[in-house]
Amino acid sequence: MPYREGVIVVARFQCRTTGGTFSLLPYWLAPYHQYTVRSILFALLLAAAAQENGIGGLFCAAEKCLEGDCRANGFLLDRWLQVCLSGLHRAHAELARWAEFGGLGQGLDVRSRLDELRAYCRALGIRGPPLDHGDCNLSEVLHRHARTTGRFLFGAPSQERRRRAAP
């Protein structure tokens, strides 16, 4: 945030052995998403703040809190919330080596899931908007996780996705 459109050049390679292609994505992107991790996470933190201010669900938060140029809607915010929490749960053991995660609660409703996301962010030193680029620990967290595990914190690249059998 603020939202802005741009082009990101992604290097594509072809394996000499198998002939398969693959991309080399920067750690600050979420595979198969059109928004950066920073944009995704901060939109969710805005939605969490909106919930505290009495704005209803994710559709209302998307409509009232996000910039008009941002094409995110409530459905997309819910999907992003699912992807972020899934990544944080998957990486919990690794992240717990660097941060104290006391009082994390899991829930099924939107408010509980947003509260859990905020608790993770607070423990990792990631603050939501409004902020300057210097106020955010997100880049360090993403880089450290990628360097330590060789994986993306949010999202799954093609080689980690399960292939479904054709019906």
N, C-alpha and C. Protein backbone atom coordinates (compact mmCIF):
# COMPACT_ATOMS: atom_id res chain seq x y z
N MET A 1 0.83 -1.16 0.00
CA MET A 1 0.00 0.00 0.00
C MET A 1 0.88 1.22 0.00
N PRO A 2 0.68 2.25 -0.73
CA PRO A 2 -0.44 2.37 -1.65
C PRO A 2 -0.29 1.42 -2.84
N TYR A 3 -1.42 1.01 -3.37
CA TYR A 3 -1.44 0.09 -4.49
C TYR A 3 -0.93 0.79 -5.74
N ARG A 4 -0.13 0.09 -6.49
CA ARG A 4 0.27 0.59 -7.80
C ARG A 4 0.56 -0.61 -8.70
N GLU A 5 0.22 -0.46 -9.96
CA GLU A 5 0.47 -1.52 -10.92
C GLU A 5 1.88 -1.38 -11.47
N GLY A 6 2.48 -2.48 -11.78
CA GLY A 6 3.80 -2.47 -12.37
C GLY A 6 4.10 -3.81 -13.00
N VAL A 7 5.14 -3.85 -13.75
CA VAL A 7 5.58 -5.08 -14.41
C VAL A 7 6.79 -5.60 -13.66
N ILE A 8 6.77 -6.88 -13.36
CA ILE A 8 7.90 -7.53 -12.71
C ILE A 8 8.45 -8.56 -13.70
N VAL A 9 9.70 -8.42 -14.03
CA VAL A 9 10.32 -9.36 -14.95
C VAL A 9 10.73 -10.61 -14.16
N VAL A 10 10.25 -11.74 -14.61
CA VAL A 10 10.53 -13.02 -13.95
C VAL A 10 11.34 -13.88 -14.92
N ALA A 11 12.48 -14.33 -14.47
CA ALA A 11 13.34 -15.17 -15.30
C ALA A 11 12.74 -16.58 -15.43
N ARG A 12 12.70 -17.08 -16.67
CA ARG A 12 12.23 -18.44 -16.93
C ARG A 12 13.39 -19.24 -17.50
N PHE A 13 13.45 -20.50 -17.09
CA PHE A 13 14.54 -21.37 -17.51
C PHE A 13 13.97 -22.69 -18.01
N GLN A 14 14.78 -23.40 -18.79
CA GLN A 14 14.40 -24.73 -19.25
C GLN A 14 15.48 -25.70 -18.80
N CYS A 15 15.04 -26.79 -18.17
CA CYS A 15 15.95 -27.82 -17.70
C CYS A 15 16.50 -28.57 -18.91
N ARG A 16 17.81 -28.71 -18.96
CA ARG A 16 18.44 -29.40 -20.08
C ARG A 16 18.14 -30.89 -20.07
N THR A 17 17.92 -31.44 -18.88
CA THR A 17 17.69 -32.87 -18.75
C THR A 17 16.24 -33.25 -19.09
N THR A 18 15.30 -32.58 -18.46
CA THR A 18 13.90 -32.96 -18.61
C THR A 18 13.15 -32.15 -19.64
N GLY A 19 13.68 -30.98 -19.98
CA GLY A 19 12.98 -30.10 -20.92
C GLY A 19 11.89 -29.27 -20.27
N GLY A 20 11.65 -29.50 -18.98
CA GLY A 20 10.63 -28.74 -18.25
C GLY A 20 11.09 -27.31 -18.02
N THR A 21 10.13 -26.41 -17.90
CA THR A 21 10.46 -25.02 -17.64
C THR A 21 10.15 -24.67 -16.19
N PHE A 22 10.84 -23.67 -15.70
CA PHE A 22 10.59 -23.18 -14.34
C PHE A 22 10.95 -21.71 -14.28
N SER A 23 10.41 -21.02 -13.29
CA SER A 23 10.66 -19.60 -13.09
C SER A 23 11.45 -19.40 -11.81
N LEU A 24 12.21 -18.35 -11.79
CA LEU A 24 12.97 -17.99 -10.60
C LEU A 24 12.31 -16.72 -10.04
N LEU A 25 11.42 -16.91 -9.07
CA LEU A 25 10.67 -15.79 -8.50
C LEU A 25 11.44 -15.14 -7.35
N PRO A 26 11.32 -13.82 -7.22
CA PRO A 26 11.88 -13.16 -6.04
C PRO A 26 11.13 -13.61 -4.78
N TYR A 27 11.80 -13.62 -3.65
CA TYR A 27 11.20 -14.11 -2.41
C TYR A 27 10.02 -13.27 -1.95
N TRP A 28 9.89 -12.04 -2.40
CA TRP A 28 8.82 -11.15 -1.94
C TRP A 28 7.55 -11.28 -2.77
N LEU A 29 7.51 -12.24 -3.67
CA LEU A 29 6.29 -12.55 -4.41
C LEU A 29 5.68 -13.83 -3.85
N ALA A 30 4.38 -13.93 -3.99
CA ALA A 30 3.69 -15.17 -3.64
C ALA A 30 3.39 -15.88 -4.95
N PRO A 31 3.87 -17.11 -5.12
CA PRO A 31 3.63 -17.82 -6.38
C PRO A 31 2.14 -17.88 -6.72
N TYR A 32 1.82 -17.68 -7.99
CA TYR A 32 0.47 -17.73 -8.52
C TYR A 32 -0.44 -16.63 -7.98
N HIS A 33 0.13 -15.51 -7.59
CA HIS A 33 -0.65 -14.36 -7.15
C HIS A 33 -0.20 -13.13 -7.92
N GLN A 34 -1.13 -12.25 -8.20
CA GLN A 34 -0.81 -11.06 -8.99
C GLN A 34 -0.39 -9.88 -8.11
N TYR A 35 -0.37 -10.06 -6.82
CA TYR A 35 0.01 -9.00 -5.90
C TYR A 35 1.23 -9.43 -5.11
N THR A 36 2.02 -8.47 -4.66
CA THR A 36 3.18 -8.80 -3.83
C THR A 36 2.71 -9.23 -2.45
N VAL A 37 3.57 -9.92 -1.72
CA VAL A 37 3.24 -10.32 -0.36
C VAL A 37 2.94 -9.08 0.48
N ARG A 38 3.71 -8.02 0.28
CA ARG A 38 3.50 -6.77 1.02
C ARG A 38 2.07 -6.25 0.80
N SER A 39 1.62 -6.20 -0.44
CA SER A 39 0.27 -5.72 -0.74
C SER A 39 -0.79 -6.63 -0.14
N ILE A 40 -0.60 -7.92 -0.25
CA ILE A 40 -1.55 -8.89 0.29
C ILE A 40 -1.67 -8.75 1.80
N LEU A 41 -0.54 -8.76 2.47
CA LEU A 41 -0.54 -8.72 3.93
C LEU A 41 -1.09 -7.40 4.45
N PHE A 42 -0.71 -6.31 3.84
CA PHE A 42 -1.18 -5.03 4.32
C PHE A 42 -2.66 -4.82 4.04
N ALA A 43 -3.18 -5.37 2.94
CA ALA A 43 -4.62 -5.30 2.69
C ALA A 43 -5.37 -6.07 3.78
N LEU A 44 -4.81 -7.21 4.18
CA LEU A 44 -5.44 -7.99 5.25
C LEU A 44 -5.36 -7.27 6.60
N LEU A 45 -4.25 -6.62 6.86
CA LEU A 45 -4.14 -5.87 8.11
C LEU A 45 -5.08 -4.66 8.12
N LEU A 46 -5.30 -4.05 6.97
CA LEU A 46 -6.30 -2.99 6.87
C LEU A 46 -7.70 -3.55 7.15
N ALA A 47 -7.98 -4.72 6.61
CA ALA A 47 -9.28 -5.37 6.85
C ALA A 47 -9.45 -5.70 8.33
N ALA A 48 -8.37 -6.13 8.98
CA ALA A 48 -8.44 -6.44 10.41
C ALA A 48 -8.72 -5.18 11.21
N ALA A 49 -8.06 -4.08 10.86
CA ALA A 49 -8.31 -2.81 11.54
C ALA A 49 -9.74 -2.34 11.29
N ALA A 50 -10.24 -2.55 10.10
CA ALA A 50 -11.61 -2.16 9.77
C ALA A 50 -12.61 -2.94 10.59
N GLN A 51 -12.32 -4.20 10.87
CA GLN A 51 -13.22 -5.01 11.70
C GLN A 51 -13.34 -4.41 13.09
N GLU A 52 -12.23 -3.93 13.63
CA GLU A 52 -12.25 -3.30 14.95
C GLU A 52 -13.02 -1.99 14.94
N ASN A 53 -13.05 -1.32 13.79
CA ASN A 53 -13.75 -0.04 13.68
C ASN A 53 -15.21 -0.21 13.28
N GLY A 54 -15.71 -1.42 13.30
CA GLY A 54 -17.12 -1.66 13.06
C GLY A 54 -17.51 -1.89 11.61
N ILE A 55 -16.54 -1.89 10.71
CA ILE A 55 -16.85 -2.21 9.31
C ILE A 55 -17.04 -3.71 9.24
N GLY A 56 -18.06 -4.14 8.54
CA GLY A 56 -18.44 -5.54 8.50
C GLY A 56 -17.39 -6.49 7.99
N GLY A 57 -17.80 -7.40 7.12
CA GLY A 57 -16.94 -8.47 6.64
C GLY A 57 -15.89 -8.01 5.64
N LEU A 58 -15.28 -8.97 5.00
CA LEU A 58 -14.18 -8.69 4.08
C LEU A 58 -14.63 -7.94 2.84
N PHE A 59 -15.86 -8.16 2.39
CA PHE A 59 -16.35 -7.42 1.22
C PHE A 59 -16.47 -5.94 1.55
N CYS A 60 -16.99 -5.62 2.73
CA CYS A 60 -17.11 -4.21 3.15
C CYS A 60 -15.72 -3.59 3.32
N ALA A 61 -14.80 -4.34 3.91
CA ALA A 61 -13.44 -3.82 4.12
C ALA A 61 -12.77 -3.55 2.78
N ALA A 62 -12.94 -4.44 1.82
CA ALA A 62 -12.33 -4.25 0.50
C ALA A 62 -12.91 -3.01 -0.17
N GLU A 63 -14.20 -2.83 -0.04
CA GLU A 63 -14.87 -1.71 -0.69
C GLU A 63 -14.53 -0.38 -0.03
N LYS A 64 -14.42 -0.35 1.29
CA LYS A 64 -14.26 0.91 2.01
C LYS A 64 -12.81 1.27 2.34
N CYS A 65 -11.92 0.29 2.42
CA CYS A 65 -10.57 0.56 2.91
C CYS A 65 -9.49 0.51 1.84
N LEU A 66 -9.72 -0.25 0.78
CA LEU A 66 -8.68 -0.38 -0.24
C LEU A 66 -8.88 0.68 -1.31
N GLU A 67 -7.79 1.05 -1.93
CA GLU A 67 -7.83 2.06 -2.98
C GLU A 67 -8.67 1.56 -4.15
N GLY A 68 -9.29 2.49 -4.85
CA GLY A 68 -10.14 2.14 -5.98
C GLY A 68 -9.42 1.42 -7.09
N ASP A 69 -8.13 1.72 -7.28
CA ASP A 69 -7.36 1.05 -8.33
C ASP A 69 -7.06 -0.41 -7.99
N CYS A 70 -7.11 -0.75 -6.72
CA CYS A 70 -6.86 -2.12 -6.30
C CYS A 70 -8.12 -2.93 -6.59
N ARG A 71 -7.97 -3.97 -7.36
CA ARG A 71 -9.14 -4.75 -7.78
C ARG A 71 -9.47 -5.88 -6.81
N ALA A 72 -8.93 -5.84 -5.62
CA ALA A 72 -9.22 -6.88 -4.64
C ALA A 72 -10.64 -6.72 -4.12
N ASN A 73 -11.31 -7.84 -3.93
CA ASN A 73 -12.65 -7.84 -3.35
C ASN A 73 -12.65 -8.75 -2.13
N GLY A 74 -13.80 -8.91 -1.52
CA GLY A 74 -13.90 -9.73 -0.31
C GLY A 74 -13.50 -11.17 -0.53
N PHE A 75 -13.88 -11.74 -1.67
CA PHE A 75 -13.50 -13.12 -1.98
C PHE A 75 -11.99 -13.25 -2.04
N LEU A 76 -11.32 -12.30 -2.71
CA LEU A 76 -9.87 -12.35 -2.84
C LEU A 76 -9.20 -12.15 -1.47
N LEU A 77 -9.73 -11.25 -0.66
CA LEU A 77 -9.17 -11.07 0.69
C LEU A 77 -9.29 -12.36 1.50
N ASP A 78 -10.41 -13.05 1.37
CA ASP A 78 -10.58 -14.31 2.09
C ASP A 78 -9.58 -15.36 1.59
N ARG A 79 -9.37 -15.41 0.30
CA ARG A 79 -8.38 -16.35 -0.26
C ARG A 79 -6.98 -16.01 0.23
N TRP A 80 -6.64 -14.71 0.24
CA TRP A 80 -5.34 -14.28 0.73
C TRP A 80 -5.16 -14.64 2.20
N LEU A 81 -6.22 -14.47 2.98
CA LEU A 81 -6.15 -14.81 4.41
C LEU A 81 -5.86 -16.30 4.57
N GLN A 82 -6.51 -17.12 3.77
CA GLN A 82 -6.29 -18.56 3.80
C GLN A 82 -4.84 -18.90 3.43
N VAL A 83 -4.32 -18.28 2.38
CA VAL A 83 -2.94 -18.54 1.93
C VAL A 83 -1.94 -18.09 2.99
N CYS A 84 -2.15 -16.91 3.57
CA CYS A 84 -1.21 -16.39 4.58
C CYS A 84 -1.20 -17.26 5.82
N LEU A 85 -2.37 -17.62 6.33
CA LEU A 85 -2.40 -18.45 7.53
C LEU A 85 -1.85 -19.85 7.26
N SER A 86 -2.12 -20.38 6.10
CA SER A 86 -1.57 -21.69 5.74
C SER A 86 -0.05 -21.64 5.74
N GLY A 87 0.52 -20.60 5.14
CA GLY A 87 1.97 -20.45 5.13
C GLY A 87 2.56 -20.27 6.51
N LEU A 88 1.90 -19.47 7.34
CA LEU A 88 2.38 -19.25 8.71
C LEU A 88 2.29 -20.52 9.54
N HIS A 89 1.22 -21.29 9.36
CA HIS A 89 1.10 -22.57 10.08
C HIS A 89 2.19 -23.54 9.64
N ARG A 90 2.41 -23.61 8.33
CA ARG A 90 3.43 -24.51 7.78
C ARG A 90 4.82 -24.13 8.29
N ALA A 91 5.09 -22.83 8.43
CA ALA A 91 6.41 -22.35 8.83
C ALA A 91 6.52 -22.06 10.32
N HIS A 92 5.50 -22.40 11.09
CA HIS A 92 5.46 -22.03 12.50
C HIS A 92 6.71 -22.46 13.27
N ALA A 93 7.13 -23.70 13.10
CA ALA A 93 8.30 -24.20 13.84
C ALA A 93 9.55 -23.39 13.52
N GLU A 94 9.74 -23.07 12.25
CA GLU A 94 10.90 -22.27 11.85
C GLU A 94 10.79 -20.85 12.38
N LEU A 95 9.63 -20.25 12.24
CA LEU A 95 9.44 -18.87 12.70
C LEU A 95 9.55 -18.76 14.22
N ALA A 96 9.16 -19.81 14.93
CA ALA A 96 9.23 -19.80 16.40
C ALA A 96 10.67 -19.76 16.90
N ARG A 97 11.62 -20.05 16.04
CA ARG A 97 13.03 -19.93 16.43
C ARG A 97 13.45 -18.46 16.54
N TRP A 98 12.73 -17.57 15.86
CA TRP A 98 13.10 -16.16 15.86
C TRP A 98 12.15 -15.29 16.66
N ALA A 99 10.93 -15.77 16.90
CA ALA A 99 9.92 -14.92 17.55
C ALA A 99 9.14 -15.73 18.58
N GLU A 100 8.59 -15.05 19.54
CA GLU A 100 7.77 -15.66 20.58
C GLU A 100 6.30 -15.55 20.16
N PHE A 101 5.64 -16.68 20.00
CA PHE A 101 4.26 -16.70 19.56
C PHE A 101 3.30 -17.08 20.67
N GLY A 102 3.32 -16.37 21.75
CA GLY A 102 2.38 -16.65 22.84
C GLY A 102 1.00 -16.13 22.51
N GLY A 103 -0.02 -16.87 22.87
CA GLY A 103 -1.40 -16.42 22.72
C GLY A 103 -1.95 -16.45 21.31
N LEU A 104 -1.43 -17.30 20.46
CA LEU A 104 -2.02 -17.43 19.13
C LEU A 104 -3.25 -18.32 19.23
N GLY A 105 -4.35 -17.83 18.74
CA GLY A 105 -5.56 -18.64 18.73
C GLY A 105 -6.01 -18.88 17.31
N GLN A 106 -6.54 -20.05 17.06
CA GLN A 106 -7.06 -20.35 15.73
C GLN A 106 -8.57 -20.37 15.81
N GLY A 107 -9.19 -19.90 14.77
CA GLY A 107 -10.64 -19.90 14.73
C GLY A 107 -11.11 -20.10 13.30
N LEU A 108 -12.39 -20.30 13.16
CA LEU A 108 -12.96 -20.52 11.83
C LEU A 108 -13.59 -19.27 11.25
N ASP A 109 -14.02 -18.36 12.11
CA ASP A 109 -14.67 -17.16 11.59
C ASP A 109 -13.62 -16.15 11.14
N VAL A 110 -14.03 -15.19 10.35
CA VAL A 110 -13.11 -14.22 9.75
C VAL A 110 -12.39 -13.41 10.81
N ARG A 111 -13.12 -12.95 11.81
CA ARG A 111 -12.49 -12.12 12.84
C ARG A 111 -11.38 -12.89 13.57
N SER A 112 -11.62 -14.14 13.91
CA SER A 112 -10.61 -14.96 14.60
C SER A 112 -9.39 -15.18 13.72
N ARG A 113 -9.63 -15.43 12.44
CA ARG A 113 -8.50 -15.65 11.53
C ARG A 113 -7.70 -14.37 11.32
N LEU A 114 -8.38 -13.22 11.23
CA LEU A 114 -7.67 -11.95 11.11
C LEU A 114 -6.89 -11.65 12.39
N ASP A 115 -7.48 -11.97 13.55
CA ASP A 115 -6.77 -11.77 14.82
C ASP A 115 -5.51 -12.64 14.89
N GLU A 116 -5.62 -13.87 14.40
CA GLU A 116 -4.45 -14.76 14.39
C GLU A 116 -3.36 -14.19 13.48
N LEU A 117 -3.75 -13.71 12.31
CA LEU A 117 -2.78 -13.11 11.39
C LEU A 117 -2.10 -11.90 12.04
N ARG A 118 -2.88 -11.06 12.70
CA ARG A 118 -2.31 -9.89 13.38
C ARG A 118 -1.34 -10.31 14.48
N ALA A 119 -1.67 -11.36 15.21
CA ALA A 119 -0.78 -11.83 16.28
C ALA A 119 0.55 -12.33 15.70
N TYR A 120 0.49 -13.06 14.61
CA TYR A 120 1.72 -13.49 13.95
C TYR A 120 2.55 -12.27 13.53
N CYS A 121 1.90 -11.32 12.88
CA CYS A 121 2.60 -10.12 12.40
C CYS A 121 3.22 -9.34 13.56
N ARG A 122 2.47 -9.19 14.62
CA ARG A 122 2.99 -8.47 15.79
C ARG A 122 4.23 -9.17 16.34
N ALA A 123 4.18 -10.49 16.47
CA ALA A 123 5.31 -11.25 17.01
C ALA A 123 6.53 -11.17 16.09
N LEU A 124 6.29 -11.08 14.78
CA LEU A 124 7.39 -11.02 13.82
C LEU A 124 7.87 -9.59 13.57
N GLY A 125 7.22 -8.62 14.22
CA GLY A 125 7.63 -7.23 14.05
C GLY A 125 7.12 -6.59 12.77
N ILE A 126 6.07 -7.15 12.21
CA ILE A 126 5.48 -6.60 10.97
C ILE A 126 4.30 -5.72 11.37
N ARG A 127 4.42 -4.45 11.04
CA ARG A 127 3.35 -3.52 11.38
C ARG A 127 2.54 -3.21 10.13
N GLY A 128 1.27 -2.99 10.34
CA GLY A 128 0.38 -2.69 9.23
C GLY A 128 0.36 -1.22 8.89
N PRO A 129 -0.39 -0.88 7.88
CA PRO A 129 -0.46 0.50 7.42
C PRO A 129 -1.16 1.39 8.43
N PRO A 130 -0.95 2.70 8.37
CA PRO A 130 -0.04 3.39 7.45
C PRO A 130 1.39 3.24 7.92
N LEU A 131 2.31 3.11 6.99
CA LEU A 131 3.71 2.96 7.35
C LEU A 131 4.61 3.40 6.22
N ASP A 132 5.83 3.70 6.57
CA ASP A 132 6.86 3.98 5.57
C ASP A 132 7.55 2.67 5.26
N HIS A 133 8.29 2.64 4.19
CA HIS A 133 9.02 1.41 3.84
C HIS A 133 10.00 1.03 4.95
N GLY A 134 10.54 2.01 5.68
CA GLY A 134 11.49 1.72 6.74
C GLY A 134 10.87 1.14 7.99
N ASP A 135 9.53 1.20 8.10
CA ASP A 135 8.86 0.72 9.30
C ASP A 135 8.57 -0.77 9.29
N CYS A 136 8.85 -1.42 8.21
CA CYS A 136 8.38 -2.80 8.04
C CYS A 136 9.51 -3.81 8.15
N ASN A 137 9.26 -4.85 8.90
CA ASN A 137 10.19 -5.95 9.07
C ASN A 137 9.85 -7.09 8.09
N LEU A 138 8.84 -6.87 7.25
CA LEU A 138 8.35 -7.93 6.37
C LEU A 138 9.43 -8.44 5.42
N SER A 139 10.16 -7.56 4.78
CA SER A 139 11.19 -7.99 3.84
C SER A 139 12.23 -8.87 4.52
N GLU A 140 12.61 -8.50 5.72
CA GLU A 140 13.59 -9.31 6.45
C GLU A 140 13.03 -10.69 6.78
N VAL A 141 11.78 -10.74 7.22
CA VAL A 141 11.15 -12.02 7.55
C VAL A 141 11.07 -12.91 6.31
N LEU A 142 10.61 -12.35 5.19
CA LEU A 142 10.49 -13.14 3.96
C LEU A 142 11.85 -13.63 3.47
N HIS A 143 12.84 -12.74 3.50
CA HIS A 143 14.18 -13.10 3.03
C HIS A 143 14.79 -14.16 3.94
N ARG A 144 14.69 -13.97 5.24
CA ARG A 144 15.28 -14.93 6.18
C ARG A 144 14.63 -16.30 6.04
N HIS A 145 13.31 -16.33 5.91
CA HIS A 145 12.62 -17.60 5.76
C HIS A 145 13.04 -18.30 4.46
N ALA A 146 13.09 -17.54 3.37
CA ALA A 146 13.49 -18.12 2.08
C ALA A 146 14.92 -18.64 2.13
N ARG A 147 15.80 -17.88 2.74
CA ARG A 147 17.20 -18.29 2.83
C ARG A 147 17.37 -19.52 3.72
N THR A 148 16.63 -19.59 4.80
CA THR A 148 16.76 -20.69 5.75
C THR A 148 16.12 -21.98 5.24
N THR A 149 14.94 -21.86 4.63
CA THR A 149 14.18 -23.06 4.26
C THR A 149 14.22 -23.37 2.76
N GLY A 150 14.54 -22.37 1.94
CA GLY A 150 14.48 -22.56 0.50
C GLY A 150 13.06 -22.57 -0.03
N ARG A 151 12.10 -22.06 0.75
CA ARG A 151 10.70 -22.06 0.37
C ARG A 151 10.12 -20.66 0.50
N PHE A 152 8.99 -20.45 -0.15
CA PHE A 152 8.24 -19.21 0.02
C PHE A 152 7.44 -19.31 1.31
N LEU A 153 7.30 -18.19 2.02
CA LEU A 153 6.48 -18.19 3.23
C LEU A 153 5.01 -18.27 2.86
N PHE A 154 4.62 -17.58 1.81
CA PHE A 154 3.21 -17.58 1.37
C PHE A 154 3.12 -18.11 -0.05
N GLY A 155 2.22 -19.05 -0.27
CA GLY A 155 2.02 -19.60 -1.60
C GLY A 155 2.91 -20.80 -1.84
N ALA A 156 2.57 -21.55 -2.87
CA ALA A 156 3.33 -22.74 -3.23
C ALA A 156 3.71 -22.69 -4.69
N PRO A 157 4.99 -22.85 -5.00
CA PRO A 157 5.40 -22.88 -6.41
C PRO A 157 4.92 -24.16 -7.07
N SER A 158 5.02 -24.20 -8.38
CA SER A 158 4.47 -25.33 -9.13
C SER A 158 5.07 -26.66 -8.71
N GLN A 159 6.35 -26.71 -8.38
CA GLN A 159 6.96 -28.00 -8.02
C GLN A 159 6.44 -28.55 -6.70
N GLU A 160 5.80 -27.70 -5.89
CA GLU A 160 5.25 -28.18 -4.62
C GLU A 160 3.75 -28.45 -4.68
N ARG A 161 3.14 -28.13 -5.79
CA ARG A 161 1.71 -28.36 -5.92
C ARG A 161 1.44 -29.81 -6.29
N ARG A 162 0.41 -30.35 -5.74
CA ARG A 162 0.04 -31.74 -6.05
C ARG A 162 -0.64 -31.77 -7.40
N ARG A 163 -0.25 -32.73 -8.19
CA ARG A 163 -0.89 -32.87 -9.50
C ARG A 163 -2.11 -33.77 -9.33
N ARG A 164 -3.20 -33.30 -9.87
CA ARG A 164 -4.45 -34.06 -9.81
C ARG A 164 -4.56 -34.94 -11.01
N ALA A 165 -5.02 -36.15 -10.77
CA ALA A 165 -5.24 -37.09 -11.88
C ALA A 165 -6.46 -36.64 -12.69
N ALA A 166 -6.38 -36.79 -13.98
CA ALA A 166 -7.50 -36.44 -14.85
C ALA A 166 -8.64 -37.42 -14.62
N PRO A 167 -9.89 -36.92 -14.60
CA PRO A 167 -11.03 -37.83 -14.39
C PRO A 167 -11.28 -38.76 -15.55
